Amino acid sequence: MKHSKSNNKQRSFLLIFLLVLSAYFWGCEAPIPPRWQTVSVRNLYTIDLPYPLKATNEMHEGAALQYYDPEGEMYVICMEELKDNIKAVRSGVKMDDYYKMVEDTITARASYKRFIQGKKLKRKGFSIKEGDYEVVTDLLGVEYHLLYRIAVIESSQYFFQVVLYSPYTDSCNIFDTYDTITRSFILKDELKNNT
């Protein structure tokens, strides 16, 4: 009898261990891959966004691209600035300085900010600097715990700011989605040159 109870406890422990382990690994696998839509903006660039994101014009008055998930799971904003219109750029401001300005502006109201990871990438015709942040911030009197991706894209004539945010999660699924969005950015001139 004692031997049987001991085996049952071992089996129970093993079963719990396997369930926890499978939940850990399963948590990073996307059960259903998202469908994607390619959005073209002002004959300047295209970018891929997941469904069910929808266009709006109520998020930021200066953003040419504004998309949101009606369920509140993701928001995407993109703005462009012509370098000739930015005095600081004419005075020698480079990508890192511009990125820092965008980061400071976006996280200005944060009561907590943690840098998670960042990358620099080169593409034909432009460079990308991006960073992911865990942020706790106050928006209109309500505190939100968010995951931001800030990406600055520099071409010969423009700085583009791509800002993605969603409720905070440490799931690798959201980072994969963010990567797909920022890596999909293509200048229209690049499209012409590759066709």
C-alpha atoms as a PDB file:
ATOM      1  CA  MET A   1       0.000   0.000   0.000  1.00  0.00           C
ATOM      2  CA  LYS A   2       2.733   2.469   0.915  1.00  0.00           C
ATOM      3  CA  HIS A   3       4.465   1.751  -2.362  1.00  0.00           C
ATOM      4  CA  SER A   4       1.246   2.485  -4.286  1.00  0.00           C
ATOM      5  CA  LYS A   5       0.708   5.853  -2.517  1.00  0.00           C
ATOM      6  CA  SER A   6       4.321   6.815  -3.242  1.00  0.00           C
ATOM      7  CA  ASN A   7       3.888   5.978  -6.943  1.00  0.00           C
ATOM      8  CA  ASN A   8       0.657   8.020  -7.080  1.00  0.00           C
ATOM      9  CA  LYS A   9       2.415  11.041  -5.547  1.00  0.00           C
ATOM     10  CA  GLN A  10       5.282  10.702  -8.022  1.00  0.00           C
ATOM     11  CA  ARG A  11       2.819  10.441 -10.916  1.00  0.00           C
ATOM     12  CA  SER A  12       0.890  13.459  -9.646  1.00  0.00           C
ATOM     13  CA  PHE A  13       4.073  15.481  -9.293  1.00  0.00           C
ATOM     14  CA  LEU A  14       5.233  14.421 -12.764  1.00  0.00           C
ATOM     15  CA  LEU A  15       1.847  15.311 -14.272  1.00  0.00           C
ATOM     16  CA  ILE A  16       1.867  18.772 -12.650  1.00  0.00           C
ATOM     17  CA  PHE A  17       5.458  19.340 -13.772  1.00  0.00           C
ATOM     18  CA  LEU A  18       4.603  18.390 -17.368  1.00  0.00           C
ATOM     19  CA  LEU A  19       1.533  20.651 -17.369  1.00  0.00           C
ATOM     20  CA  VAL A  20       3.546  23.626 -16.100  1.00  0.00           C
ATOM     21  CA  LEU A  21       6.337  22.922 -18.586  1.00  0.00           C
ATOM     22  CA  SER A  22       3.927  22.599 -21.517  1.00  0.00           C
ATOM     23  CA  ALA A  23       2.136  25.815 -20.493  1.00  0.00           C
ATOM     24  CA  TYR A  24       5.498  27.618 -20.485  1.00  0.00           C
ATOM     25  CA  PHE A  25       6.427  26.452 -23.984  1.00  0.00           C
ATOM     26  CA  TRP A  26       2.913  26.724 -25.372  1.00  0.00           C
ATOM     27  CA  GLY A  27       2.703  30.355 -24.180  1.00  0.00           C
ATOM     28  CA  CYS A  28       5.190  31.454 -26.857  1.00  0.00           C
ATOM     29  CA  GLU A  29       3.557  29.728 -29.796  1.00  0.00           C
ATOM     30  CA  ALA A  30       0.956  31.603 -31.790  1.00  0.00           C
ATOM     31  CA  PRO A  31      -2.030  29.262 -32.068  1.00  0.00           C
ATOM     32  CA  ILE A  32      -3.416  31.139 -35.090  1.00  0.00           C
ATOM     33  CA  PRO A  33      -1.062  33.250 -37.204  1.00  0.00           C
ATOM     34  CA  PRO A  34      -2.485  36.740 -37.779  1.00  0.00           C
ATOM     35  CA  ARG A  35      -3.657  37.859 -41.188  1.00  0.00           C
ATOM     36  CA  TRP A  36      -1.882  40.926 -42.529  1.00  0.00           C
ATOM     37  CA  GLN A  37      -2.907  44.004 -44.501  1.00  0.00           C
ATOM     38  CA  THR A  38      -0.476  46.242 -46.385  1.00  0.00           C
ATOM     39  CA  VAL A  39      -1.147  49.937 -45.834  1.00  0.00           C
ATOM     40  CA  SER A  40       0.207  52.611 -48.183  1.00  0.00           C
ATOM     41  CA  VAL A  41       0.778  56.112 -46.784  1.00  0.00           C
ATOM     42  CA  ARG A  42       1.074  59.353 -48.796  1.00  0.00           C
ATOM     43  CA  ASN A  43       2.909  57.646 -51.636  1.00  0.00           C
ATOM     44  CA  LEU A  44       5.937  57.539 -49.277  1.00  0.00           C
ATOM     45  CA  TYR A  45       5.923  54.060 -47.750  1.00  0.00           C
ATOM     46  CA  THR A  46       4.030  50.851 -47.111  1.00  0.00           C
ATOM     47  CA  ILE A  47       3.780  48.941 -43.846  1.00  0.00           C
ATOM     48  CA  ASP A  48       2.085  45.662 -42.919  1.00  0.00           C
ATOM     49  CA  LEU A  49      -0.406  45.664 -40.048  1.00  0.00           C
ATOM     50  CA  PRO A  50      -2.358  42.773 -38.566  1.00  0.00           C
ATOM     51  CA  TYR A  51      -6.107  42.470 -38.837  1.00  0.00           C
ATOM     52  CA  PRO A  52      -8.322  43.545 -37.068  1.00  0.00           C
ATOM     53  CA  LEU A  53      -6.511  46.912 -36.822  1.00  0.00           C
ATOM     54  CA  LYS A  54      -8.617  49.713 -38.262  1.00  0.00           C
ATOM     55  CA  ALA A  55      -7.792  53.223 -39.465  1.00  0.00           C
ATOM     56  CA  THR A  56      -8.701  56.244 -37.363  1.00  0.00           C
ATOM     57  CA  ASN A  57      -7.743  59.927 -37.188  1.00  0.00           C
ATOM     58  CA  GLU A  58      -8.351  60.452 -33.468  1.00  0.00           C
ATOM     59  CA  MET A  59      -5.062  59.291 -31.914  1.00  0.00           C
ATOM     60  CA  HIS A  60      -2.577  62.012 -32.914  1.00  0.00           C
ATOM     61  CA  GLU A  61      -3.211  65.039 -35.103  1.00  0.00           C
ATOM     62  CA  GLY A  62       0.248  64.863 -36.735  1.00  0.00           C
ATOM     63  CA  ALA A  63       0.201  61.152 -37.585  1.00  0.00           C
ATOM     64  CA  ALA A  64      -0.351  60.143 -41.204  1.00  0.00           C
ATOM     65  CA  LEU A  65      -0.923  56.530 -40.123  1.00  0.00           C
ATOM     66  CA  GLN A  66      -3.148  55.768 -37.131  1.00  0.00           C
ATOM     67  CA  TYR A  67      -4.514  52.259 -36.587  1.00  0.00           C
ATOM     68  CA  TYR A  68      -6.079  50.617 -33.562  1.00  0.00           C
ATOM     69  CA  ASP A  69      -7.539  47.319 -32.477  1.00  0.00           C
ATOM     70  CA  PRO A  70     -11.224  47.791 -31.500  1.00  0.00           C
ATOM     71  CA  GLU A  71     -10.598  45.358 -28.592  1.00  0.00           C
ATOM     72  CA  GLY A  72      -7.856  47.670 -27.265  1.00  0.00           C
ATOM     73  CA  GLU A  73      -5.060  45.158 -27.837  1.00  0.00           C
ATOM     74  CA  MET A  74      -2.788  47.256 -30.087  1.00  0.00           C
ATOM     75  CA  TYR A  75      -2.281  50.794 -31.364  1.00  0.00           C
ATOM     76  CA  VAL A  76       0.019  51.929 -34.187  1.00  0.00           C
ATOM     77  CA  ILE A  77       1.022  55.485 -35.056  1.00  0.00           C
ATOM     78  CA  CYS A  78       3.469  56.639 -37.736  1.00  0.00           C
ATOM     79  CA  MET A  79       4.616  60.186 -38.440  1.00  0.00           C
ATOM     80  CA  GLU A  80       7.126  61.503 -40.898  1.00  0.00           C
ATOM     81  CA  GLU A  81       9.257  64.631 -40.704  1.00  0.00           C
ATOM     82  CA  LEU A  82      11.057  66.078 -43.680  1.00  0.00           C
ATOM     83  CA  LYS A  83      14.652  66.664 -42.599  1.00  0.00           C
ATOM     84  CA  ASP A  84      14.753  70.063 -44.319  1.00  0.00           C
ATOM     85  CA  ASN A  85      12.001  71.216 -41.930  1.00  0.00           C
ATOM     86  CA  ILE A  86      13.906  70.237 -38.770  1.00  0.00           C
ATOM     87  CA  LYS A  87      16.396  72.924 -37.741  1.00  0.00           C
ATOM     88  CA  ALA A  88      18.204  70.564 -35.375  1.00  0.00           C
ATOM     89  CA  VAL A  89      18.881  68.087 -38.202  1.00  0.00           C
ATOM     90  CA  ARG A  90      20.351  70.830 -40.348  1.00  0.00           C
ATOM     91  CA  SER A  91      22.566  71.607 -37.322  1.00  0.00           C
ATOM     92  CA  GLY A  92      23.918  68.062 -37.238  1.00  0.00           C
ATOM     93  CA  VAL A  93      21.443  66.021 -35.168  1.00  0.00           C
ATOM     94  CA  LYS A  94      21.824  62.333 -36.020  1.00  0.00           C
ATOM     95  CA  MET A  95      19.596  59.252 -35.693  1.00  0.00           C
ATOM     96  CA  ASP A  96      20.491  58.536 -32.028  1.00  0.00           C
ATOM     97  CA  ASP A  97      19.632  62.108 -30.988  1.00  0.00           C
ATOM     98  CA  TYR A  98      16.362  62.056 -32.885  1.00  0.00           C
ATOM     99  CA  TYR A  99      15.475  58.652 -31.385  1.00  0.00           C
ATOM    100  CA  LYS A 100      16.182  59.981 -27.862  1.00  0.00           C
ATOM    101  CA  MET A 101      13.888  62.949 -28.520  1.00  0.00           C
ATOM    102  CA  VAL A 102      11.071  60.613 -29.626  1.00  0.00           C
ATOM    103  CA  GLU A 103      11.615  58.302 -26.637  1.00  0.00           C
ATOM    104  CA  ASP A 104      11.580  61.227 -24.181  1.00  0.00           C
ATOM    105  CA  THR A 105       8.405  62.653 -25.733  1.00  0.00           C
ATOM    106  CA  ILE A 106       6.540  59.340 -25.668  1.00  0.00           C
ATOM    107  CA  THR A 107       7.534  58.421 -22.108  1.00  0.00           C
ATOM    108  CA  ALA A 108       7.337  61.961 -20.639  1.00  0.00           C
ATOM    109  CA  ARG A 109       4.378  61.088 -18.382  1.00  0.00           C
ATOM    110  CA  ALA A 110       5.642  57.661 -17.357  1.00  0.00           C
ATOM    111  CA  SER A 111       5.766  56.945 -13.643  1.00  0.00           C
ATOM    112  CA  TYR A 112       7.810  53.833 -14.490  1.00  0.00           C
ATOM    113  CA  LYS A 113       9.904  53.012 -17.565  1.00  0.00           C
ATOM    114  CA  ARG A 114      12.054  49.933 -18.186  1.00  0.00           C
ATOM    115  CA  PHE A 115      14.080  49.384 -21.348  1.00  0.00           C
ATOM    116  CA  ILE A 116      13.663  45.756 -22.492  1.00  0.00           C
ATOM    117  CA  GLN A 117      15.640  45.441 -25.721  1.00  0.00           C
ATOM    118  CA  GLY A 118      16.740  47.400 -28.757  1.00  0.00           C
ATOM    119  CA  LYS A 119      18.181  46.908 -32.233  1.00  0.00           C
ATOM    120  CA  LYS A 120      19.700  48.817 -35.108  1.00  0.00           C
ATOM    121  CA  LEU A 121      19.030  47.594 -38.644  1.00  0.00           C
ATOM    122  CA  LYS A 122      20.067  48.652 -42.130  1.00  0.00           C
ATOM    123  CA  ARG A 123      17.828  48.329 -45.161  1.00  0.00           C
ATOM    124  CA  LYS A 124      18.304  49.514 -48.714  1.00  0.00           C
ATOM    125  CA  GLY A 125      17.638  53.240 -48.554  1.00  0.00           C
ATOM    126  CA  PHE A 126      17.199  53.626 -44.781  1.00  0.00           C
ATOM    127  CA  SER A 127      18.260  52.705 -41.252  1.00  0.00           C
ATOM    128  CA  ILE A 128      16.062  51.638 -38.320  1.00  0.00           C
ATOM    129  CA  LYS A 129      16.661  52.087 -34.611  1.00  0.00           C
ATOM    130  CA  GLU A 130      14.075  50.479 -32.350  1.00  0.00           C
ATOM    131  CA  GLY A 131      13.519  49.815 -28.682  1.00  0.00           C
ATOM    132  CA  ASP A 132      10.951  48.034 -26.536  1.00  0.00           C
ATOM    133  CA  TYR A 133       9.844  49.461 -23.192  1.00  0.00           C
ATOM    134  CA  GLU A 134       7.660  48.471 -20.288  1.00  0.00           C
ATOM    135  CA  VAL A 135       5.888  51.677 -19.243  1.00  0.00           C
ATOM    136  CA  VAL A 136       3.409  52.616 -16.545  1.00  0.00           C
ATOM    137  CA  THR A 137       1.819  55.917 -17.487  1.00  0.00           C
ATOM    138  CA  ASP A 138      -1.163  58.132 -16.758  1.00  0.00           C
ATOM    139  CA  LEU A 139      -3.452  58.887 -19.690  1.00  0.00           C
ATOM    140  CA  LEU A 140      -6.403  61.167 -18.974  1.00  0.00           C
ATOM    141  CA  GLY A 141      -6.359  60.294 -15.276  1.00  0.00           C
ATOM    142  CA  VAL A 142      -6.184  56.512 -15.744  1.00  0.00           C
ATOM    143  CA  GLU A 143      -2.993  54.508 -15.107  1.00  0.00           C
ATOM    144  CA  TYR A 144      -1.995  52.053 -17.847  1.00  0.00           C
ATOM    145  CA  HIS A 145       0.672  49.334 -17.901  1.00  0.00           C
ATOM    146  CA  LEU A 146       1.890  49.236 -21.520  1.00  0.00           C
ATOM    147  CA  LEU A 147       4.446  47.660 -23.808  1.00  0.00           C
ATOM    148  CA  TYR A 148       5.856  50.170 -26.307  1.00  0.00           C
ATOM    149  CA  ARG A 149       7.921  49.651 -29.435  1.00  0.00           C
ATOM    150  CA  ILE A 150       9.537  52.877 -30.615  1.00  0.00           C
ATOM    151  CA  ALA A 151      11.118  52.710 -34.061  1.00  0.00           C
ATOM    152  CA  VAL A 152      12.834  55.590 -35.823  1.00  0.00           C
ATOM    153  CA  ILE A 153      13.487  55.115 -39.516  1.00  0.00           C
ATOM    154  CA  GLU A 154      15.915  57.437 -41.279  1.00  0.00           C
ATOM    155  CA  SER A 155      16.007  57.861 -45.037  1.00  0.00           C
ATOM    156  CA  SER A 156      17.974  60.451 -46.980  1.00  0.00           C
ATOM    157  CA  GLN A 157      15.083  62.961 -46.772  1.00  0.00           C
ATOM    158  CA  TYR A 158      12.910  61.890 -43.808  1.00  0.00           C
ATOM    159  CA  PHE A 159      12.757  60.714 -40.237  1.00  0.00           C
ATOM    160  CA  PHE A 160       9.798  58.383 -39.652  1.00  0.00           C
ATOM    161  CA  GLN A 161       8.515  57.578 -36.165  1.00  0.00           C
ATOM    162  CA  VAL A 162       6.665  54.270 -35.796  1.00  0.00           C
ATOM    163  CA  VAL A 163       5.149  53.821 -32.338  1.00  0.00           C
ATOM    164  CA  LEU A 164       3.367  50.617 -31.342  1.00  0.00           C
ATOM    165  CA  TYR A 165       1.790  50.016 -27.976  1.00  0.00           C
ATOM    166  CA  SER A 166      -0.454  47.493 -26.297  1.00  0.00           C
ATOM    167  CA  PRO A 167      -1.347  46.353 -22.793  1.00  0.00           C
ATOM    168  CA  TYR A 168       1.823  45.017 -21.190  1.00  0.00           C
ATOM    169  CA  THR A 169       2.664  41.367 -21.738  1.00  0.00           C
ATOM    170  CA  ASP A 170       5.966  39.533 -21.671  1.00  0.00           C
ATOM    171  CA  SER A 171       4.751  37.062 -24.311  1.00  0.00           C
ATOM    172  CA  CYS A 172       7.101  36.528 -27.243  1.00  0.00           C
ATOM    173  CA  ASN A 173       4.021  36.637 -29.526  1.00  0.00           C
ATOM    174  CA  ILE A 174       3.728  40.400 -29.173  1.00  0.00           C
ATOM    175  CA  PHE A 175       7.441  40.917 -29.929  1.00  0.00           C
ATOM    176  CA  ASP A 176       7.070  38.748 -33.064  1.00  0.00           C
ATOM    177  CA  THR A 177       4.119  40.886 -34.187  1.00  0.00           C
ATOM    178  CA  TYR A 178       6.005  44.106 -33.443  1.00  0.00           C
ATOM    179  CA  ASP A 179       9.019  42.780 -35.407  1.00  0.00           C
ATOM    180  CA  THR A 180       6.842  41.904 -38.409  1.00  0.00           C
ATOM    181  CA  ILE A 181       5.341  45.391 -38.428  1.00  0.00           C
ATOM    182  CA  THR A 182       8.610  47.332 -38.158  1.00  0.00           C
ATOM    183  CA  ARG A 183      10.491  45.043 -40.584  1.00  0.00           C
ATOM    184  CA  SER A 184       7.725  45.408 -43.180  1.00  0.00           C
ATOM    185  CA  PHE A 185       8.346  49.161 -43.633  1.00  0.00           C
ATOM    186  CA  ILE A 186       9.267  49.826 -47.277  1.00  0.00           C
ATOM    187  CA  LEU A 187       9.922  53.183 -48.895  1.00  0.00           C
ATOM    188  CA  LYS A 188       8.001  53.609 -52.140  1.00  0.00           C
ATOM    189  CA  ASP A 189      11.250  54.521 -53.929  1.00  0.00           C
ATOM    190  CA  GLU A 190      12.635  51.158 -52.829  1.00  0.00           C
ATOM    191  CA  LEU A 191       9.570  49.417 -54.301  1.00  0.00           C
ATOM    192  CA  LYS A 192      10.118  51.215 -57.624  1.00  0.00           C
ATOM    193  CA  ASN A 193      13.811  50.303 -57.680  1.00  0.00           C
ATOM    194  CA  ASN A 194      13.055  46.616 -57.040  1.00  0.00           C
ATOM    195  CA  THR A 195      10.441  46.205 -59.781  1.00  0.00           C
END
